[in-house]
Amino acid sequence: MARVDYTERIPNNVSLAENRRLLRALEEWRPRYLDWWQQMGPDGFQAKDVYLRTAISVDPQGWAHFDWVKMPEYRWGIFLAEPEPGRSIAFGEHKGTPAWQEVPGEYRGTLRRLIVTQGDTEPASVEQQRHLGRTCPSLYDLRNIFQVNVEEGRHLWAMVYLLHAHFGRDGREEAEGLLQRRSGDSDKPRILGAFNEKTPDWLSFFMFCFFTDRDGKYQLASLAESGFDPLSRTCRFMLTEEAHHMFVGEAGIGRVVQKTCELMREHRTDDVRRHGGIDLPTMQKYLNFHCSVSLDLFGSEISTNAANFYTAGLKGRFEETKKTDDHLLKEATYSIAVPDGDAVKMAEEPALLALNERLRDDYIADCQRGVDRWNATIKRHGIDLVLRLPHRGFHRAIGNFAELRVSPDGRIVSQAEWDARKHDWLPTPEDEAYVASLMTPVVEPGKFAGWIAPPTRGINGQPVEFQYVKLTPRE
């Protein structure tokens, strides 16, 4: 096998060319990654030129380089944020000691599990979205999903680099496992439940980017506080790309809301399905589903694992260094929601054990800001309807509410009421079939499907009608 020129094909700032052992490991892994990409990456578009952003360095001039590229030839780089001189661990029992440049032996297994769990989400989302290109609402959106896909692939490379560079044979075996699991596979599913759900249509894709990729933001931000400096620096750089994925979700849903409101006013009706739109109640059902599935990704409200990660200095809180407490939390408490008979009440729990719930609270507040922006669009059109986040106990499979039936407004309801009302709260087969019926591809530059509004501006200064993906006239 010819040696890969890593300075050309794999832009990096980790001195790959100087580490022969690591070079050999990645040379063996890379062809299998490309096989996975061809099998499970975007279906039907591998040979197309796409206007993509590629990170070729971590400086402002290099991390967002735009050019035409075929996706299998994308330059999946390995980048760590620039080191912070004298960085020390900011929390836990090692607070104030120098950040680790090598894996501490006592935390080797735990760190590997954290990296593998995060790494497993990256190829999973590519697999979930691989067929969506064939039903794109525009070339602009087609390019955006491909940008998300290649960056999820780069994030996989980032985690695999850590496994190969710091975990020896165990890391190499875990890196192979990341390519062997498949989203939704009954025998080898992805590790986290949300990444085994189907993403059958573009409304689901936008919801996934808004809700599930936002969970990724908070998990990466927590890992960016890690006392293991290579993991911290890797996640800090990944967060610069994750922002685009959330933008695709929030802006995509916002454009669907915009088009729906325009159809409602134009035709003086709430029933926009007759005019090829997606009605707001259906969007609320999709919102309920994707929000609840993503809330489960934070884990149980009370978690000894989270407490142990924190105490060990492996995974911090969101924006840990901005908090003004003692960063030890041995005596602190935190309020969490708990079921109490047929109601929900707040209870004080040890803050160390409630770290998952604190992170979930930060996440919910962030989600609410996006929902508020959608509602501002609805209000501007004079429409008396408000989209709402469901209660944190709604449709949960993990934690305090997993065994309960909770309505979107936070009532604990009977099984009979749940059965009678669930079709008001979650997408029905009929809803899914209707949304699927709208998924007809639109690939003429500057044209958009009838259920979504155009964006206000193009990408990287290009016009909206730019040919972001080069297709032949018949495609």
Protein backbone atom coordinates (compact mmCIF):
# COMPACT_ATOMS: atom_id res chain seq x y z
CA MET A 1 0.00 0.00 0.00
CA ALA A 2 1.38 3.41 -0.95
CA ARG A 3 2.06 5.64 1.99
CA VAL A 4 -0.45 8.45 2.40
CA ASP A 5 1.02 11.94 2.31
CA TYR A 6 -0.49 13.17 5.55
CA THR A 7 0.63 16.73 5.06
CA GLU A 8 -1.48 16.82 1.88
CA ARG A 9 -4.37 14.38 2.33
CA ILE A 10 -4.80 14.74 6.10
CA PRO A 11 -4.15 18.34 7.15
CA ASN A 12 -3.23 18.33 10.82
CA ASN A 13 -1.50 20.16 13.62
CA VAL A 14 -0.50 17.06 15.61
CA SER A 15 2.82 16.33 13.81
CA LEU A 16 1.59 13.13 12.17
CA ALA A 17 4.56 13.04 9.82
CA GLU A 18 6.90 12.69 12.81
CA ASN A 19 5.08 9.76 14.48
CA ARG A 20 5.73 6.60 12.47
CA ARG A 21 3.73 4.31 14.78
CA LEU A 22 0.69 6.52 14.53
CA LEU A 23 1.16 6.85 10.76
CA ARG A 24 1.11 3.07 10.35
CA ALA A 25 -2.01 2.74 12.48
CA LEU A 26 -3.88 5.41 10.51
CA GLU A 27 -2.67 3.99 7.19
CA GLU A 28 -4.37 0.73 8.12
CA TRP A 29 -7.54 2.44 9.38
CA ARG A 30 -8.04 4.96 6.58
CA PRO A 31 -8.96 2.49 3.76
CA ARG A 32 -11.57 0.88 6.01
CA TYR A 33 -12.96 4.30 6.84
CA LEU A 34 -13.25 5.10 3.12
CA ASP A 35 -14.99 1.75 2.55
CA TRP A 36 -17.45 2.66 5.31
CA TRP A 37 -17.98 6.11 3.76
CA GLN A 38 -18.70 4.63 0.33
CA GLN A 39 -21.15 2.12 1.83
CA MET A 40 -22.85 4.31 4.42
CA GLY A 41 -22.19 7.91 3.37
CA PRO A 42 -24.54 10.03 1.22
CA ASP A 43 -26.22 7.67 -1.23
CA GLY A 44 -25.91 8.54 -4.90
CA PHE A 45 -23.70 11.61 -4.65
CA GLN A 46 -20.19 10.32 -4.04
CA ALA A 47 -18.95 11.41 -7.47
CA LYS A 48 -20.50 14.89 -7.39
CA ASP A 49 -18.62 18.14 -6.86
CA VAL A 50 -19.89 19.90 -3.75
CA TYR A 51 -19.06 23.39 -2.51
CA LEU A 52 -17.68 22.43 0.90
CA ARG A 53 -15.88 24.03 3.79
CA THR A 54 -12.69 22.23 4.78
CA ALA A 55 -10.57 22.86 7.85
CA ILE A 56 -6.90 22.96 6.84
CA SER A 57 -5.59 24.68 10.00
CA VAL A 58 -6.92 26.06 13.29
CA ASP A 59 -6.23 29.73 12.55
CA PRO A 60 -9.09 31.96 11.33
CA GLN A 61 -7.81 31.89 7.74
CA GLY A 62 -7.52 28.11 7.58
CA TRP A 63 -10.30 26.46 9.49
CA ALA A 64 -12.98 27.44 6.93
CA HIS A 65 -11.52 26.97 3.44
CA PHE A 66 -14.22 26.70 0.72
CA ASP A 67 -13.80 24.86 -2.57
CA TRP A 68 -15.39 22.27 -4.84
CA VAL A 69 -14.64 18.72 -3.75
CA LYS A 70 -15.95 15.19 -4.23
CA MET A 71 -16.86 13.86 -0.81
CA PRO A 72 -14.65 10.71 -0.85
CA GLU A 73 -11.73 13.05 -1.60
CA TYR A 74 -12.57 15.39 1.28
CA ARG A 75 -9.53 16.19 3.41
CA TRP A 76 -10.58 14.88 6.81
CA GLY A 77 -8.05 16.63 9.00
CA ILE A 78 -7.00 16.12 12.61
CA PHE A 79 -6.93 19.31 14.62
CA LEU A 80 -6.58 20.26 18.25
CA ALA A 81 -7.22 23.78 19.47
CA GLU A 82 -4.04 25.66 20.29
CA PRO A 83 -2.65 24.72 23.71
CA GLU A 84 -3.20 27.00 26.68
CA PRO A 85 0.20 27.56 28.32
CA GLY A 86 0.21 26.39 31.92
CA ARG A 87 -3.34 25.00 31.75
CA SER A 88 -4.43 23.32 34.99
CA ILE A 89 -7.37 21.12 35.87
CA ALA A 90 -10.27 23.36 36.91
CA PHE A 91 -12.43 20.99 38.98
CA GLY A 92 -12.57 17.81 41.00
CA GLU A 93 -10.00 16.23 43.29
CA HIS A 94 -7.14 17.17 40.92
CA LYS A 95 -8.17 20.85 40.78
CA GLY A 96 -5.18 23.15 40.38
CA THR A 97 -2.76 20.47 39.16
CA PRO A 98 -1.31 20.57 35.63
CA ALA A 99 -3.57 19.19 32.91
CA TRP A 100 -2.56 15.71 31.77
CA GLN A 101 -0.79 15.35 28.43
CA GLU A 102 -0.89 11.55 28.67
CA VAL A 103 -3.69 9.28 29.87
CA PRO A 104 -3.54 8.74 33.65
CA GLY A 105 -3.36 4.99 34.23
CA GLU A 106 -6.14 4.93 36.82
CA TYR A 107 -8.57 6.60 34.38
CA ARG A 108 -7.57 4.77 31.22
CA GLY A 109 -10.72 2.65 30.86
CA THR A 110 -13.08 5.49 31.78
CA LEU A 111 -11.52 7.95 29.36
CA ARG A 112 -11.59 5.39 26.57
CA ARG A 113 -15.30 4.80 27.19
CA LEU A 114 -16.05 8.54 27.09
CA ILE A 115 -14.16 8.96 23.80
CA VAL A 116 -15.75 5.90 22.19
CA THR A 117 -19.27 6.96 23.19
CA GLN A 118 -18.76 10.42 21.72
CA GLY A 119 -17.02 9.01 18.65
CA ASP A 120 -19.85 6.55 17.99
CA THR A 121 -22.37 9.35 17.50
CA GLU A 122 -20.45 10.84 14.57
CA PRO A 123 -20.72 8.04 11.98
CA ALA A 124 -24.19 7.17 13.31
CA SER A 125 -25.69 10.47 12.17
CA VAL A 126 -24.13 10.05 8.70
CA GLU A 127 -25.79 6.64 8.47
CA GLN A 128 -29.14 8.04 9.61
CA GLN A 129 -29.06 10.73 6.92
CA ARG A 130 -27.54 8.85 3.98
CA HIS A 131 -30.69 8.73 1.81
CA LEU A 132 -31.87 12.31 2.34
CA GLY A 133 -29.92 13.76 -0.58
CA ARG A 134 -32.37 12.12 -2.98
CA THR A 135 -35.25 14.21 -1.61
CA CYS A 136 -33.50 17.56 -1.07
CA PRO A 137 -35.68 20.70 -1.05
CA SER A 138 -32.93 22.69 -2.84
CA LEU A 139 -29.27 22.63 -3.88
CA TYR A 140 -28.58 24.98 -0.95
CA ASP A 141 -29.96 22.41 1.49
CA LEU A 142 -28.29 19.53 -0.32
CA ARG A 143 -24.93 21.20 0.12
CA ASN A 144 -25.68 21.84 3.81
CA ILE A 145 -26.45 18.22 4.60
CA PHE A 146 -23.26 17.14 2.87
CA GLN A 147 -21.31 19.71 4.90
CA VAL A 148 -22.80 18.26 8.07
CA ASN A 149 -21.95 14.73 6.90
CA VAL A 150 -18.29 15.36 6.08
CA GLU A 151 -17.78 17.24 9.34
CA GLU A 152 -19.31 14.37 11.30
CA GLY A 153 -16.77 12.23 9.48
CA ARG A 154 -14.00 14.61 10.55
CA HIS A 155 -15.23 14.41 14.13
CA LEU A 156 -14.93 10.63 13.89
CA TRP A 157 -11.33 11.11 12.73
CA ALA A 158 -10.74 13.35 15.76
CA MET A 159 -11.88 10.67 18.21
CA VAL A 160 -10.04 7.91 16.34
CA TYR A 161 -6.85 9.96 16.50
CA LEU A 162 -7.16 10.07 20.29
CA LEU A 163 -7.79 6.32 20.44
CA HIS A 164 -4.81 5.51 18.22
CA ALA A 165 -2.47 8.05 19.77
CA HIS A 166 -3.14 7.33 23.44
CA PHE A 167 -4.71 3.89 23.93
CA GLY A 168 -2.52 1.41 22.05
CA ARG A 169 -4.07 -1.89 20.98
CA ASP A 170 -7.27 -1.21 22.91
CA GLY A 171 -7.65 2.07 21.02
CA ARG A 172 -7.09 0.41 17.66
CA GLU A 173 -9.75 -2.19 18.43
CA GLU A 174 -12.21 0.50 19.51
CA ALA A 175 -11.50 2.44 16.29
CA GLU A 176 -12.42 -0.66 14.29
CA GLY A 177 -15.63 -1.03 16.29
CA LEU A 178 -16.65 2.50 15.34
CA LEU A 179 -16.77 1.37 11.71
CA GLN A 180 -18.54 -1.92 12.43
CA ARG A 181 -21.60 -0.73 14.31
CA ARG A 182 -24.54 0.54 12.27
CA SER A 183 -27.40 2.89 13.12
CA GLY A 184 -30.56 0.88 13.75
CA ASP A 185 -28.88 -2.51 13.24
CA SER A 186 -30.49 -5.14 15.47
CA ASP A 187 -27.21 -6.99 15.99
CA LYS A 188 -24.68 -4.14 16.11
CA PRO A 189 -26.58 -0.93 16.90
CA ARG A 190 -24.98 2.37 17.75
CA ILE A 191 -24.35 2.94 21.47
CA LEU A 192 -26.93 5.66 22.18
CA GLY A 193 -30.63 5.21 21.43
CA ALA A 194 -31.24 8.48 19.59
CA PHE A 195 -28.64 7.45 17.03
CA ASN A 196 -30.59 4.32 16.14
CA GLU A 197 -33.73 6.27 15.24
CA LYS A 198 -34.60 6.79 11.59
CA THR A 199 -34.24 10.18 9.91
CA PRO A 200 -36.68 9.60 7.05
CA ASP A 201 -37.37 13.16 5.88
CA TRP A 202 -35.98 16.68 5.91
CA LEU A 203 -38.22 17.93 8.71
CA SER A 204 -36.76 15.16 10.87
CA PHE A 205 -33.26 16.11 9.70
CA PHE A 206 -33.72 19.76 10.68
CA MET A 207 -35.12 18.69 14.06
CA PHE A 208 -32.18 16.31 14.53
CA CYS A 209 -29.68 19.08 13.81
CA PHE A 210 -31.45 21.45 16.19
CA PHE A 211 -32.04 19.09 19.10
CA THR A 212 -29.63 16.15 18.84
CA ASP A 213 -26.63 18.09 17.54
CA ARG A 214 -27.29 20.60 20.33
CA ASP A 215 -26.87 17.76 22.80
CA GLY A 216 -23.55 17.19 21.03
CA LYS A 217 -22.62 20.79 21.73
CA TYR A 218 -23.17 20.34 25.45
CA GLN A 219 -21.39 17.00 25.63
CA LEU A 220 -18.42 18.39 23.71
CA ALA A 221 -18.36 21.51 25.88
CA SER A 222 -18.26 19.32 29.01
CA LEU A 223 -15.44 17.21 27.56
CA ALA A 224 -13.64 20.41 26.54
CA GLU A 225 -13.19 21.07 30.27
CA SER A 226 -11.44 17.71 30.72
CA GLY A 227 -8.19 17.47 32.61
CA PHE A 228 -6.92 15.24 29.77
CA ASP A 229 -5.60 18.05 27.59
CA PRO A 230 -5.62 16.30 24.17
CA LEU A 231 -9.33 15.53 24.63
CA SER A 232 -10.03 19.08 25.79
CA ARG A 233 -8.25 20.62 22.81
CA THR A 234 -9.89 18.22 20.35
CA CYS A 235 -13.38 19.06 21.59
CA ARG A 236 -12.73 22.79 21.61
CA PHE A 237 -11.98 22.69 17.91
CA MET A 238 -14.94 20.39 17.17
CA LEU A 239 -17.27 22.97 18.73
CA THR A 240 -16.40 25.46 15.98
CA GLU A 241 -17.90 23.05 13.43
CA GLU A 242 -20.81 21.91 15.60
CA ALA A 243 -22.18 25.46 15.50
CA HIS A 244 -22.89 25.09 11.76
CA HIS A 245 -24.85 21.89 12.33
CA MET A 246 -27.13 23.62 14.84
CA PHE A 247 -27.51 26.55 12.45
CA VAL A 248 -28.70 24.17 9.73
CA GLY A 249 -31.33 22.84 12.11
CA GLU A 250 -32.57 26.09 13.57
CA ALA A 251 -32.56 27.96 10.24
CA GLY A 252 -34.16 25.00 8.46
CA ILE A 253 -37.06 24.79 10.89
CA GLY A 254 -37.33 28.57 10.85
CA ARG A 255 -37.70 28.49 7.06
CA VAL A 256 -40.41 25.81 7.30
CA VAL A 257 -42.24 27.95 9.87
CA GLN A 258 -41.86 30.99 7.61
CA LYS A 259 -43.34 29.19 4.59
CA THR A 260 -46.19 27.75 6.63
CA CYS A 261 -47.11 31.18 7.95
CA GLU A 262 -47.02 32.62 4.42
CA LEU A 263 -49.35 29.87 3.19
CA MET A 264 -51.72 30.41 6.11
CA ARG A 265 -52.01 34.12 5.37
CA GLU A 266 -52.17 33.74 1.60
CA HIS A 267 -54.97 31.17 1.71
CA ARG A 268 -56.61 32.35 4.95
CA THR A 269 -56.58 28.87 6.45
CA ASP A 270 -54.87 26.77 9.10
CA ASP A 271 -55.08 23.74 6.82
CA VAL A 272 -51.94 24.33 4.79
CA ARG A 273 -51.72 20.67 3.82
CA ARG A 274 -54.17 21.43 1.03
CA HIS A 275 -51.53 23.84 -0.30
CA GLY A 276 -48.45 21.67 0.13
CA GLY A 277 -47.26 23.05 3.46
CA ILE A 278 -46.44 21.52 6.82
CA ASP A 279 -48.96 22.69 9.41
CA LEU A 280 -47.77 24.05 12.74
CA PRO A 281 -49.45 21.30 14.85
CA THR A 282 -47.50 18.68 12.90
CA MET A 283 -44.29 20.61 13.50
CA GLN A 284 -45.14 20.63 17.20
CA LYS A 285 -45.43 16.83 17.18
CA TYR A 286 -42.04 16.46 15.48
CA LEU A 287 -40.58 18.93 17.97
CA ASN A 288 -42.00 16.89 20.87
CA PHE A 289 -40.49 13.68 19.56
CA HIS A 290 -37.01 14.95 18.75
CA CYS A 291 -36.71 17.00 21.93
CA SER A 292 -37.70 14.08 24.17
CA VAL A 293 -35.37 11.62 22.45
CA SER A 294 -32.51 14.10 22.76
CA LEU A 295 -33.21 14.75 26.45
CA ASP A 296 -32.54 11.07 27.10
CA LEU A 297 -29.00 11.51 25.76
CA PHE A 298 -28.06 13.34 28.97
CA GLY A 299 -28.68 10.22 31.04
CA SER A 300 -30.38 9.76 34.39
CA GLU A 301 -31.03 12.73 36.65
CA ILE A 302 -29.01 11.11 39.43
CA SER A 303 -25.78 9.58 38.18
CA THR A 304 -22.82 8.22 40.09
CA ASN A 305 -20.95 7.92 36.78
CA ALA A 306 -21.27 11.66 36.14
CA ALA A 307 -20.16 12.35 39.71
CA ASN A 308 -17.14 10.11 39.27
CA PHE A 309 -16.21 11.72 35.93
CA TYR A 310 -16.33 15.13 37.58
CA THR A 311 -14.44 14.21 40.71
CA ALA A 312 -11.73 12.56 38.60
CA GLY A 313 -11.37 15.70 36.45
CA LEU A 314 -12.42 13.92 33.25
CA LYS A 315 -15.66 15.72 32.33
CA GLY A 316 -16.75 19.08 33.66
CA ARG A 317 -19.85 21.21 33.55
CA PHE A 318 -20.84 23.48 30.69
CA GLU A 319 -18.59 26.57 30.94
CA GLU A 320 -16.97 25.19 34.09
CA THR A 321 -14.33 27.90 34.39
CA LYS A 322 -16.99 30.65 34.36
CA LYS A 323 -18.74 29.27 37.43
CA THR A 324 -17.97 30.87 40.79
CA ASP A 325 -18.42 27.96 43.22
CA ASP A 326 -15.63 25.82 44.65
CA HIS A 327 -15.57 23.40 41.65
CA LEU A 328 -15.61 20.48 44.09
CA LEU A 329 -19.36 20.32 44.86
CA LYS A 330 -18.93 18.07 47.89
CA GLU A 331 -21.42 20.03 49.99
CA ALA A 332 -23.51 21.67 47.24
CA THR A 333 -27.05 20.72 46.26
CA TYR A 334 -29.06 21.15 43.07
CA SER A 335 -32.83 21.17 42.42
CA ILE A 336 -34.19 18.50 40.11
CA ALA A 337 -37.68 17.53 38.97
CA VAL A 338 -39.02 14.30 40.47
CA PRO A 339 -42.39 12.55 40.15
CA ASP A 340 -44.52 12.70 43.29
CA GLY A 341 -47.71 10.70 42.95
CA ASP A 342 -49.63 12.25 40.07
CA ALA A 343 -47.61 15.47 40.14
CA VAL A 344 -44.05 16.67 39.56
CA LYS A 345 -42.15 18.49 42.31
CA MET A 346 -38.68 19.92 42.80
CA ALA A 347 -36.28 18.22 45.19
CA GLU A 348 -32.78 19.09 46.38
CA GLU A 349 -30.14 16.48 45.57
CA PRO A 350 -26.35 16.42 45.94
CA ALA A 351 -24.96 18.57 43.14
CA LEU A 352 -22.31 15.99 42.29
CA LEU A 353 -24.97 13.38 41.59
CA ALA A 354 -27.17 15.84 39.67
CA LEU A 355 -24.59 16.91 37.07
CA ASN A 356 -26.54 15.33 34.19
CA GLU A 357 -29.62 17.30 35.16
CA ARG A 358 -27.70 20.55 35.43
CA LEU A 359 -26.35 20.01 31.91
CA ARG A 360 -29.88 19.16 30.73
CA ASP A 361 -31.12 22.45 32.24
CA ASP A 362 -28.48 24.38 30.30
CA TYR A 363 -29.52 22.53 27.15
CA ILE A 364 -33.25 23.20 27.62
CA ALA A 365 -32.60 26.92 28.13
CA ASP A 366 -30.59 26.98 24.90
CA CYS A 367 -33.32 25.13 23.00
CA GLN A 368 -35.90 27.59 24.30
CA ARG A 369 -34.03 30.49 22.74
CA GLY A 370 -34.34 28.86 19.33
CA VAL A 371 -38.04 28.11 19.82
CA ASP A 372 -38.55 31.74 20.82
CA ARG A 373 -37.12 32.84 17.48
CA TRP A 374 -39.53 30.56 15.59
CA ASN A 375 -42.40 31.94 17.64
CA ALA A 376 -41.34 35.49 16.80
CA THR A 377 -41.84 34.61 13.12
CA ILE A 378 -45.30 33.21 13.85
CA LYS A 379 -46.21 36.34 15.82
CA ARG A 380 -45.01 38.65 13.03
CA HIS A 381 -47.53 36.97 10.76
CA GLY A 382 -50.32 37.62 13.25
CA ILE A 383 -50.95 33.93 13.93
CA ASP A 384 -52.24 32.93 17.35
CA LEU A 385 -50.21 29.78 17.96
CA VAL A 386 -47.06 29.16 19.99
CA LEU A 387 -44.61 26.30 19.58
CA ARG A 388 -43.51 24.90 22.94
CA LEU A 389 -40.84 22.60 24.28
CA PRO A 390 -42.43 19.56 25.92
CA HIS A 391 -41.99 18.97 29.64
CA ARG A 392 -38.71 17.22 30.43
CA GLY A 393 -40.66 14.15 31.60
CA PHE A 394 -42.55 13.71 28.33
CA HIS A 395 -41.87 10.53 26.32
CA ARG A 396 -38.73 9.68 28.28
CA ALA A 397 -37.03 6.28 28.24
CA ILE A 398 -34.24 7.05 30.73
CA GLY A 399 -34.31 8.48 34.25
CA ASN A 400 -36.99 9.45 36.76
CA PHE A 401 -39.78 9.59 34.18
CA ALA A 402 -38.93 6.48 32.16
CA GLU A 403 -41.74 4.37 33.67
CA LEU A 404 -44.33 7.14 33.66
CA ARG A 405 -46.71 8.70 31.16
CA VAL A 406 -46.25 12.47 31.17
CA SER A 407 -48.12 14.92 28.95
CA PRO A 408 -46.26 17.69 27.09
CA ASP A 409 -47.51 20.19 29.69
CA GLY A 410 -46.09 18.14 32.54
CA ARG A 411 -49.08 16.23 33.89
CA ILE A 412 -48.59 12.62 34.94
CA VAL A 413 -51.46 10.89 33.15
CA SER A 414 -52.96 7.43 33.12
CA GLN A 415 -52.17 4.86 30.46
CA ALA A 416 -55.73 5.29 29.19
CA GLU A 417 -55.30 9.04 28.71
CA TRP A 418 -51.90 8.53 27.11
CA ASP A 419 -53.36 6.03 24.64
CA ALA A 420 -56.20 8.42 23.84
CA ARG A 421 -54.00 11.50 23.40
CA LYS A 422 -50.61 10.28 22.14
CA HIS A 423 -51.58 10.96 18.52
CA ASP A 424 -52.13 14.59 19.50
CA TRP A 425 -48.62 14.76 20.92
CA LEU A 426 -46.41 12.60 18.69
CA PRO A 427 -46.27 12.12 14.91
CA THR A 428 -48.73 9.55 13.62
CA PRO A 429 -48.13 7.24 10.67
CA GLU A 430 -50.45 9.53 8.72
CA ASP A 431 -48.36 12.59 9.66
CA GLU A 432 -45.18 10.82 8.63
CA ALA A 433 -46.73 9.69 5.36
CA TYR A 434 -47.87 13.24 4.58
CA VAL A 435 -44.45 14.73 5.28
CA ALA A 436 -42.85 11.97 3.22
CA SER A 437 -45.20 12.84 0.33
CA LEU A 438 -43.66 16.33 0.21
CA MET A 439 -40.13 15.02 -0.14
CA THR A 440 -39.77 15.56 -3.87
CA PRO A 441 -36.29 16.73 -4.89
CA VAL A 442 -35.76 20.27 -6.16
CA VAL A 443 -32.35 20.64 -7.79
CA GLU A 444 -32.64 23.68 -10.06
CA PRO A 445 -30.35 26.42 -8.72
CA GLY A 446 -32.30 29.04 -6.81
CA LYS A 447 -35.50 26.96 -6.63
CA PHE A 448 -37.01 25.59 -3.40
CA ALA A 449 -39.65 23.04 -2.47
CA GLY A 450 -43.07 24.46 -1.75
CA TRP A 451 -42.96 23.62 1.97
CA ILE A 452 -39.84 25.63 2.85
CA ALA A 453 -38.83 29.27 2.37
CA PRO A 454 -35.48 30.27 0.82
CA PRO A 455 -32.70 31.38 3.16
CA THR A 456 -32.02 35.08 3.55
CA ARG A 457 -28.47 34.70 2.24
CA GLY A 458 -26.20 32.17 0.57
CA ILE A 459 -23.05 30.46 1.81
CA ASN A 460 -19.64 32.14 2.02
CA GLY A 461 -20.90 35.23 0.23
CA GLN A 462 -22.34 33.26 -2.68
CA PRO A 463 -25.86 34.06 -3.91
CA VAL A 464 -28.77 31.83 -2.89
CA GLU A 465 -29.12 30.67 -6.52
CA PHE A 466 -25.49 29.48 -6.65
CA GLN A 467 -25.02 25.89 -7.90
CA TYR A 468 -23.82 24.49 -4.58
CA VAL A 469 -23.80 20.91 -5.90
CA LYS A 470 -22.89 20.25 -9.53
CA LEU A 471 -25.54 17.96 -10.96
CA THR A 472 -26.22 17.05 -14.57
CA PRO A 473 -29.47 18.45 -16.04
CA ARG A 474 -31.37 15.14 -15.62
CA GLU A 475 -30.47 14.69 -11.95
